[in-house]
Amino acid sequence: MGRHGRALYIGRLTRFAVRIDEVDLATGRHRRLQELRVADPAGSVLWNLVMTPDGKEYAYDARSSRSALYLVQGLR
């Protein structure tokens, strides 16, 4: 909840980014605050995000998970 209870923060996740909007509860208008992207989009990403009530400061952690794929030939 932002701006003294008059706005709400919404995070929209994609595979490689999170977009943070502030939604004015009286008008329904969206205002983009931030878009955070990972440096290396390989693998899957787990986002953790916390914001101050006024939306001016935030902290986040983006963890990437990768796996290996092996090709085996000649097995009988």
C-alpha atoms as a PDB file:
ATOM      1  CA  MET A   1       0.000   0.000   0.000  1.00  0.00           C
ATOM      2  CA  GLY A   2       1.498   3.318  -0.999  1.00  0.00           C
ATOM      3  CA  ARG A   3       1.010   7.042  -0.580  1.00  0.00           C
ATOM      4  CA  HIS A   4      -0.770   6.921   2.772  1.00  0.00           C
ATOM      5  CA  GLY A   5      -3.272   4.245   1.723  1.00  0.00           C
ATOM      6  CA  ARG A   6      -4.287   5.938  -1.539  1.00  0.00           C
ATOM      7  CA  ALA A   7      -2.223   3.756  -3.874  1.00  0.00           C
ATOM      8  CA  LEU A   8      -1.308   0.133  -4.317  1.00  0.00           C
ATOM      9  CA  TYR A   9       1.914  -1.350  -5.697  1.00  0.00           C
ATOM     10  CA  ILE A  10       1.569  -4.173  -8.190  1.00  0.00           C
ATOM     11  CA  GLY A  11       4.377  -6.351  -9.493  1.00  0.00           C
ATOM     12  CA  ARG A  12       3.952  -8.008 -12.875  1.00  0.00           C
ATOM     13  CA  LEU A  13       6.290 -10.918 -13.402  1.00  0.00           C
ATOM     14  CA  THR A  14       7.576 -12.191 -16.686  1.00  0.00           C
ATOM     15  CA  ARG A  15      10.231 -14.805 -17.187  1.00  0.00           C
ATOM     16  CA  PHE A  16      13.078 -12.263 -17.270  1.00  0.00           C
ATOM     17  CA  ALA A  17      11.743  -9.132 -15.574  1.00  0.00           C
ATOM     18  CA  VAL A  18       9.420  -7.683 -12.977  1.00  0.00           C
ATOM     19  CA  ARG A  19       7.518  -4.463 -13.625  1.00  0.00           C
ATOM     20  CA  ILE A  20       6.374  -2.446 -10.616  1.00  0.00           C
ATOM     21  CA  ASP A  21       3.374  -0.143 -11.046  1.00  0.00           C
ATOM     22  CA  GLU A  22       1.707   2.212  -8.619  1.00  0.00           C
ATOM     23  CA  VAL A  23      -2.086   2.137  -8.973  1.00  0.00           C
ATOM     24  CA  ASP A  24      -4.040   5.149  -7.752  1.00  0.00           C
ATOM     25  CA  LEU A  25      -7.027   3.659  -5.901  1.00  0.00           C
ATOM     26  CA  ALA A  26      -9.264   6.684  -6.556  1.00  0.00           C
ATOM     27  CA  THR A  27      -8.726   6.853 -10.333  1.00  0.00           C
ATOM     28  CA  GLY A  28      -7.401   3.388 -11.207  1.00  0.00           C
ATOM     29  CA  ARG A  29      -4.535   4.998 -13.109  1.00  0.00           C
ATOM     30  CA  HIS A  30      -1.301   2.999 -13.377  1.00  0.00           C
ATOM     31  CA  ARG A  31       2.102   4.647 -13.160  1.00  0.00           C
ATOM     32  CA  ARG A  32       5.239   2.620 -13.857  1.00  0.00           C
ATOM     33  CA  LEU A  33       7.729   2.952 -11.018  1.00  0.00           C
ATOM     34  CA  GLN A  34      10.404   0.510 -12.066  1.00  0.00           C
ATOM     35  CA  GLU A  35      11.220  -2.384 -14.352  1.00  0.00           C
ATOM     36  CA  LEU A  36      13.884  -4.772 -13.079  1.00  0.00           C
ATOM     37  CA  ARG A  37      15.624  -7.202 -15.413  1.00  0.00           C
ATOM     38  CA  VAL A  38      18.129  -9.975 -14.879  1.00  0.00           C
ATOM     39  CA  ALA A  39      21.545  -9.598 -16.516  1.00  0.00           C
ATOM     40  CA  ASP A  40      21.620 -13.159 -17.862  1.00  0.00           C
ATOM     41  CA  PRO A  41      18.176 -14.493 -18.841  1.00  0.00           C
ATOM     42  CA  ALA A  42      19.305 -18.139 -19.205  1.00  0.00           C
ATOM     43  CA  GLY A  43      17.421 -20.610 -16.998  1.00  0.00           C
ATOM     44  CA  SER A  44      14.472 -19.840 -14.768  1.00  0.00           C
ATOM     45  CA  VAL A  45      14.413 -16.880 -12.383  1.00  0.00           C
ATOM     46  CA  LEU A  46      12.975 -16.615  -8.859  1.00  0.00           C
ATOM     47  CA  TRP A  47      12.246 -13.048  -7.734  1.00  0.00           C
ATOM     48  CA  ASN A  48      12.053 -11.745  -4.166  1.00  0.00           C
ATOM     49  CA  LEU A  49      11.102  -8.083  -3.788  1.00  0.00           C
ATOM     50  CA  VAL A  50      10.324  -5.836  -0.820  1.00  0.00           C
ATOM     51  CA  MET A  51       9.416  -2.135  -0.911  1.00  0.00           C
ATOM     52  CA  THR A  52       9.085   0.650   1.604  1.00  0.00           C
ATOM     53  CA  PRO A  53       5.498   1.839   2.146  1.00  0.00           C
ATOM     54  CA  ASP A  54       6.165   5.056   0.183  1.00  0.00           C
ATOM     55  CA  GLY A  55       7.629   3.119  -2.780  1.00  0.00           C
ATOM     56  CA  LYS A  56      10.806   5.183  -2.865  1.00  0.00           C
ATOM     57  CA  GLU A  57      13.145   2.378  -1.873  1.00  0.00           C
ATOM     58  CA  TYR A  58      13.214  -1.322  -2.570  1.00  0.00           C
ATOM     59  CA  ALA A  59      15.415  -4.367  -2.323  1.00  0.00           C
ATOM     60  CA  TYR A  60      15.296  -7.410  -4.533  1.00  0.00           C
ATOM     61  CA  ASP A  61      16.998 -10.690  -5.188  1.00  0.00           C
ATOM     62  CA  ALA A  62      16.834 -12.499  -8.519  1.00  0.00           C
ATOM     63  CA  ARG A  63      18.098 -16.065  -8.439  1.00  0.00           C
ATOM     64  CA  SER A  64      18.733 -18.028 -11.582  1.00  0.00           C
ATOM     65  CA  SER A  65      18.362 -21.780 -11.741  1.00  0.00           C
ATOM     66  CA  ARG A  66      20.024 -23.810 -14.463  1.00  0.00           C
ATOM     67  CA  SER A  67      20.213 -27.460 -15.306  1.00  0.00           C
ATOM     68  CA  ALA A  68      22.328 -29.635 -17.584  1.00  0.00           C
ATOM     69  CA  LEU A  69      21.186 -31.669 -20.557  1.00  0.00           C
ATOM     70  CA  TYR A  70      23.302 -34.633 -21.614  1.00  0.00           C
ATOM     71  CA  LEU A  71      23.164 -36.552 -24.868  1.00  0.00           C
ATOM     72  CA  VAL A  72      24.162 -40.194 -24.555  1.00  0.00           C
ATOM     73  CA  GLN A  73      24.684 -42.286 -27.657  1.00  0.00           C
ATOM     74  CA  GLY A  74      25.461 -45.949 -28.198  1.00  0.00           C
ATOM     75  CA  LEU A  75      23.699 -47.411 -25.147  1.00  0.00           C
ATOM     76  CA  ARG A  76      22.283 -50.913 -25.530  1.00  0.00           C
END
